């Protein structure tokens, strides 16, 4: 009986995930006009990956902070999540509104914006823990961009 219940929960989770995936693709398809995922331009795909990584990290930081009753850190993570979402929307708007050549030129400006935001977050940090995580995240993002 326990195994059947576990299997039913797994199947329900897979169904929910499949539905979410389908909804995300529909939103992206409407926004980009791409017929299949491989039709999405590489800079757009990279921004989607970068955003997903950052959001996952911030959400994890927030969850750990809440678990450890560190409300100040959780609040800062919430603010950072809002800033990341705003950055992502601006970046996506630039990528989707511009043609391919102009979008490539915008990559440098976007990287400068991201570096400035990371510096601001580090300056606002009082205990240094989040600054180290931001530096680690920036280093990981920079290494992800190698080979383009």
C-alpha atoms as a PDB file:
ATOM      1  CA  UNK A   1       0.000   0.000   0.000  1.00  0.00           C
ATOM      2  CA  UNK A   2       2.841   2.364   0.845  1.00  0.00           C
ATOM      3  CA  UNK A   3       4.538   1.728  -2.500  1.00  0.00           C
ATOM      4  CA  UNK A   4       1.302   2.385  -4.389  1.00  0.00           C
ATOM      5  CA  UNK A   5       0.774   5.693  -2.589  1.00  0.00           C
ATOM      6  CA  UNK A   6       4.364   6.704  -3.329  1.00  0.00           C
ATOM      7  CA  UNK A   7       3.919   5.796  -7.000  1.00  0.00           C
ATOM      8  CA  UNK A   8       0.669   7.792  -7.172  1.00  0.00           C
ATOM      9  CA  UNK A   9       2.411  10.857  -5.677  1.00  0.00           C
ATOM     10  CA  UNK A  10       5.292  10.479  -8.152  1.00  0.00           C
ATOM     11  CA  UNK A  11       2.908  10.288 -11.110  1.00  0.00           C
ATOM     12  CA  UNK A  12       0.946  13.309  -9.859  1.00  0.00           C
ATOM     13  CA  UNK A  13       4.201  15.260  -9.478  1.00  0.00           C
ATOM     14  CA  UNK A  14       5.310  14.282 -12.986  1.00  0.00           C
ATOM     15  CA  UNK A  15       1.942  15.391 -14.381  1.00  0.00           C
ATOM     16  CA  UNK A  16       2.181  18.754 -12.588  1.00  0.00           C
ATOM     17  CA  UNK A  17       5.733  19.256 -13.822  1.00  0.00           C
ATOM     18  CA  UNK A  18       4.752  18.381 -17.382  1.00  0.00           C
ATOM     19  CA  UNK A  19       1.877  20.864 -17.233  1.00  0.00           C
ATOM     20  CA  UNK A  20       4.163  23.599 -15.861  1.00  0.00           C
ATOM     21  CA  UNK A  21       6.723  22.885 -18.586  1.00  0.00           C
ATOM     22  CA  UNK A  22       4.004  23.138 -21.219  1.00  0.00           C
ATOM     23  CA  UNK A  23       2.729  26.436 -19.794  1.00  0.00           C
ATOM     24  CA  UNK A  24       6.272  27.907 -19.649  1.00  0.00           C
ATOM     25  CA  UNK A  25       6.901  26.912 -23.251  1.00  0.00           C
ATOM     26  CA  UNK A  26       3.590  28.428 -24.379  1.00  0.00           C
ATOM     27  CA  UNK A  27       4.474  31.751 -22.689  1.00  0.00           C
ATOM     28  CA  UNK A  28       7.950  31.716 -24.238  1.00  0.00           C
ATOM     29  CA  UNK A  29       6.577  30.753 -27.639  1.00  0.00           C
ATOM     30  CA  UNK A  30       4.106  33.638 -27.537  1.00  0.00           C
ATOM     31  CA  UNK A  31       6.846  36.038 -26.517  1.00  0.00           C
ATOM     32  CA  UNK A  32       9.504  34.901 -29.008  1.00  0.00           C
ATOM     33  CA  UNK A  33       7.425  33.605 -31.891  1.00  0.00           C
ATOM     34  CA  UNK A  34       9.590  30.455 -31.965  1.00  0.00           C
ATOM     35  CA  UNK A  35       7.904  27.274 -33.114  1.00  0.00           C
ATOM     36  CA  UNK A  36      10.272  24.966 -31.250  1.00  0.00           C
ATOM     37  CA  UNK A  37      12.822  25.458 -28.481  1.00  0.00           C
ATOM     38  CA  UNK A  38      15.730  25.170 -30.894  1.00  0.00           C
ATOM     39  CA  UNK A  39      14.335  28.213 -32.755  1.00  0.00           C
ATOM     40  CA  UNK A  40      14.933  30.447 -29.728  1.00  0.00           C
ATOM     41  CA  UNK A  41      18.048  32.555 -30.336  1.00  0.00           C
ATOM     42  CA  UNK A  42      21.107  31.558 -28.257  1.00  0.00           C
ATOM     43  CA  UNK A  43      21.330  34.871 -26.335  1.00  0.00           C
ATOM     44  CA  UNK A  44      17.694  34.454 -25.254  1.00  0.00           C
ATOM     45  CA  UNK A  45      18.294  30.849 -24.218  1.00  0.00           C
ATOM     46  CA  UNK A  46      21.375  31.915 -22.246  1.00  0.00           C
ATOM     47  CA  UNK A  47      19.408  34.642 -20.454  1.00  0.00           C
ATOM     48  CA  UNK A  48      16.694  32.131 -19.552  1.00  0.00           C
ATOM     49  CA  UNK A  49      19.324  29.751 -18.153  1.00  0.00           C
ATOM     50  CA  UNK A  50      21.068  32.537 -16.234  1.00  0.00           C
ATOM     51  CA  UNK A  51      17.784  33.747 -14.759  1.00  0.00           C
ATOM     52  CA  UNK A  52      16.720  30.240 -13.738  1.00  0.00           C
ATOM     53  CA  UNK A  53      20.061  29.625 -11.997  1.00  0.00           C
ATOM     54  CA  UNK A  54      19.935  32.927 -10.159  1.00  0.00           C
ATOM     55  CA  UNK A  55      16.324  32.520  -9.069  1.00  0.00           C
ATOM     56  CA  UNK A  56      17.034  28.997  -7.818  1.00  0.00           C
ATOM     57  CA  UNK A  57      20.021  30.211  -5.804  1.00  0.00           C
ATOM     58  CA  UNK A  58      18.126  33.135  -4.298  1.00  0.00           C
ATOM     59  CA  UNK A  59      15.143  30.951  -3.427  1.00  0.00           C
ATOM     60  CA  UNK A  60      17.456  28.455  -1.739  1.00  0.00           C
ATOM     61  CA  UNK A  61      19.165  31.219   0.251  1.00  0.00           C
ATOM     62  CA  UNK A  62      15.759  32.501   1.316  1.00  0.00           C
ATOM     63  CA  UNK A  63      14.542  29.017   2.316  1.00  0.00           C
ATOM     64  CA  UNK A  64      17.656  28.350   4.400  1.00  0.00           C
ATOM     65  CA  UNK A  65      17.363  31.769   6.030  1.00  0.00           C
ATOM     66  CA  UNK A  66      13.735  31.119   6.958  1.00  0.00           C
ATOM     67  CA  UNK A  67      14.612  27.658   8.260  1.00  0.00           C
ATOM     68  CA  UNK A  68      17.344  29.187  10.438  1.00  0.00           C
ATOM     69  CA  UNK A  69      15.086  32.042  11.541  1.00  0.00           C
ATOM     70  CA  UNK A  70      17.280  34.700   9.934  1.00  0.00           C
ATOM     71  CA  UNK A  71      14.520  37.073   8.898  1.00  0.00           C
ATOM     72  CA  UNK A  72      16.892  39.855   7.831  1.00  0.00           C
ATOM     73  CA  UNK A  73      18.639  37.556   5.355  1.00  0.00           C
ATOM     74  CA  UNK A  74      15.284  36.229   4.126  1.00  0.00           C
ATOM     75  CA  UNK A  75      14.053  39.789   3.553  1.00  0.00           C
ATOM     76  CA  UNK A  76      17.225  40.707   1.662  1.00  0.00           C
ATOM     77  CA  UNK A  77      16.821  37.583  -0.462  1.00  0.00           C
ATOM     78  CA  UNK A  78      13.247  38.665  -1.240  1.00  0.00           C
ATOM     79  CA  UNK A  79      14.480  42.087  -2.348  1.00  0.00           C
ATOM     80  CA  UNK A  80      17.221  40.456  -4.410  1.00  0.00           C
ATOM     81  CA  UNK A  81      14.654  38.194  -6.057  1.00  0.00           C
ATOM     82  CA  UNK A  82      12.591  41.244  -7.044  1.00  0.00           C
ATOM     83  CA  UNK A  83      15.702  42.913  -8.481  1.00  0.00           C
ATOM     84  CA  UNK A  84      16.639  39.770 -10.410  1.00  0.00           C
ATOM     85  CA  UNK A  85      13.150  39.516 -11.879  1.00  0.00           C
ATOM     86  CA  UNK A  86      13.282  43.185 -12.923  1.00  0.00           C
ATOM     87  CA  UNK A  87      16.753  42.691 -14.452  1.00  0.00           C
ATOM     88  CA  UNK A  88      15.522  39.639 -16.318  1.00  0.00           C
ATOM     89  CA  UNK A  89      12.485  41.459 -17.715  1.00  0.00           C
ATOM     90  CA  UNK A  90      14.649  44.369 -18.921  1.00  0.00           C
ATOM     91  CA  UNK A  91      17.139  41.980 -20.515  1.00  0.00           C
ATOM     92  CA  UNK A  92      14.439  39.899 -22.203  1.00  0.00           C
ATOM     93  CA  UNK A  93      12.780  43.050 -23.518  1.00  0.00           C
ATOM     94  CA  UNK A  94      16.099  44.162 -25.030  1.00  0.00           C
ATOM     95  CA  UNK A  95      16.806  40.758 -26.542  1.00  0.00           C
ATOM     96  CA  UNK A  96      13.339  40.320 -28.004  1.00  0.00           C
ATOM     97  CA  UNK A  97      12.923  43.891 -29.248  1.00  0.00           C
ATOM     98  CA  UNK A  98      16.239  44.129 -31.046  1.00  0.00           C
ATOM     99  CA  UNK A  99      17.468  42.344 -34.136  1.00  0.00           C
ATOM    100  CA  UNK A 100      20.291  39.793 -33.847  1.00  0.00           C
ATOM    101  CA  UNK A 101      23.212  42.201 -34.355  1.00  0.00           C
ATOM    102  CA  UNK A 102      21.929  44.809 -31.916  1.00  0.00           C
ATOM    103  CA  UNK A 103      21.186  42.117 -29.338  1.00  0.00           C
ATOM    104  CA  UNK A 104      24.798  40.943 -29.465  1.00  0.00           C
ATOM    105  CA  UNK A 105      25.965  44.520 -28.811  1.00  0.00           C
ATOM    106  CA  UNK A 106      23.596  44.660 -25.834  1.00  0.00           C
ATOM    107  CA  UNK A 107      25.343  41.724 -24.146  1.00  0.00           C
ATOM    108  CA  UNK A 108      28.208  43.928 -22.937  1.00  0.00           C
ATOM    109  CA  UNK A 109      25.806  46.524 -21.528  1.00  0.00           C
ATOM    110  CA  UNK A 110      23.825  43.824 -19.750  1.00  0.00           C
ATOM    111  CA  UNK A 111      26.983  42.371 -18.224  1.00  0.00           C
ATOM    112  CA  UNK A 112      27.952  45.832 -16.967  1.00  0.00           C
ATOM    113  CA  UNK A 113      24.459  46.226 -15.445  1.00  0.00           C
ATOM    114  CA  UNK A 114      24.797  42.858 -13.723  1.00  0.00           C
ATOM    115  CA  UNK A 115      28.241  43.717 -12.343  1.00  0.00           C
ATOM    116  CA  UNK A 116      26.920  47.010 -10.955  1.00  0.00           C
ATOM    117  CA  UNK A 117      23.990  45.206  -9.320  1.00  0.00           C
ATOM    118  CA  UNK A 118      26.336  42.664  -7.731  1.00  0.00           C
ATOM    119  CA  UNK A 119      28.506  45.483  -6.379  1.00  0.00           C
ATOM    120  CA  UNK A 120      25.448  47.235  -4.924  1.00  0.00           C
ATOM    121  CA  UNK A 121      24.322  44.017  -3.255  1.00  0.00           C
ATOM    122  CA  UNK A 122      27.781  43.481  -1.759  1.00  0.00           C
ATOM    123  CA  UNK A 123      27.895  47.055  -0.425  1.00  0.00           C
ATOM    124  CA  UNK A 124      24.456  46.687   1.166  1.00  0.00           C
ATOM    125  CA  UNK A 125      25.539  43.478   2.895  1.00  0.00           C
ATOM    126  CA  UNK A 126      26.523  43.924   6.511  1.00  0.00           C
ATOM    127  CA  UNK A 127      27.942  40.515   7.457  1.00  0.00           C
ATOM    128  CA  UNK A 128      29.733  39.549   4.241  1.00  0.00           C
ATOM    129  CA  UNK A 129      28.117  36.112   3.831  1.00  0.00           C
ATOM    130  CA  UNK A 130      25.862  37.106   0.968  1.00  0.00           C
ATOM    131  CA  UNK A 131      28.647  39.093  -0.708  1.00  0.00           C
ATOM    132  CA  UNK A 132      30.712  35.920  -0.913  1.00  0.00           C
ATOM    133  CA  UNK A 133      27.758  34.052  -2.404  1.00  0.00           C
ATOM    134  CA  UNK A 134      27.200  36.877  -4.921  1.00  0.00           C
ATOM    135  CA  UNK A 135      30.887  36.733  -5.897  1.00  0.00           C
ATOM    136  CA  UNK A 136      30.637  32.949  -6.300  1.00  0.00           C
ATOM    137  CA  UNK A 137      27.505  33.354  -8.436  1.00  0.00           C
ATOM    138  CA  UNK A 138      29.178  35.994 -10.611  1.00  0.00           C
ATOM    139  CA  UNK A 139      32.251  33.803 -11.038  1.00  0.00           C
ATOM    140  CA  UNK A 140      30.051  30.871 -12.036  1.00  0.00           C
ATOM    141  CA  UNK A 141      28.120  33.026 -14.515  1.00  0.00           C
ATOM    142  CA  UNK A 142      31.346  34.326 -16.052  1.00  0.00           C
ATOM    143  CA  UNK A 143      32.700  30.813 -16.493  1.00  0.00           C
ATOM    144  CA  UNK A 144      29.395  29.735 -18.087  1.00  0.00           C
ATOM    145  CA  UNK A 145      29.842  32.380 -20.764  1.00  0.00           C
ATOM    146  CA  UNK A 146      33.243  31.077 -21.889  1.00  0.00           C
ATOM    147  CA  UNK A 147      33.367  29.517 -25.309  1.00  0.00           C
ATOM    148  CA  UNK A 148      30.738  31.759 -26.913  1.00  0.00           C
END
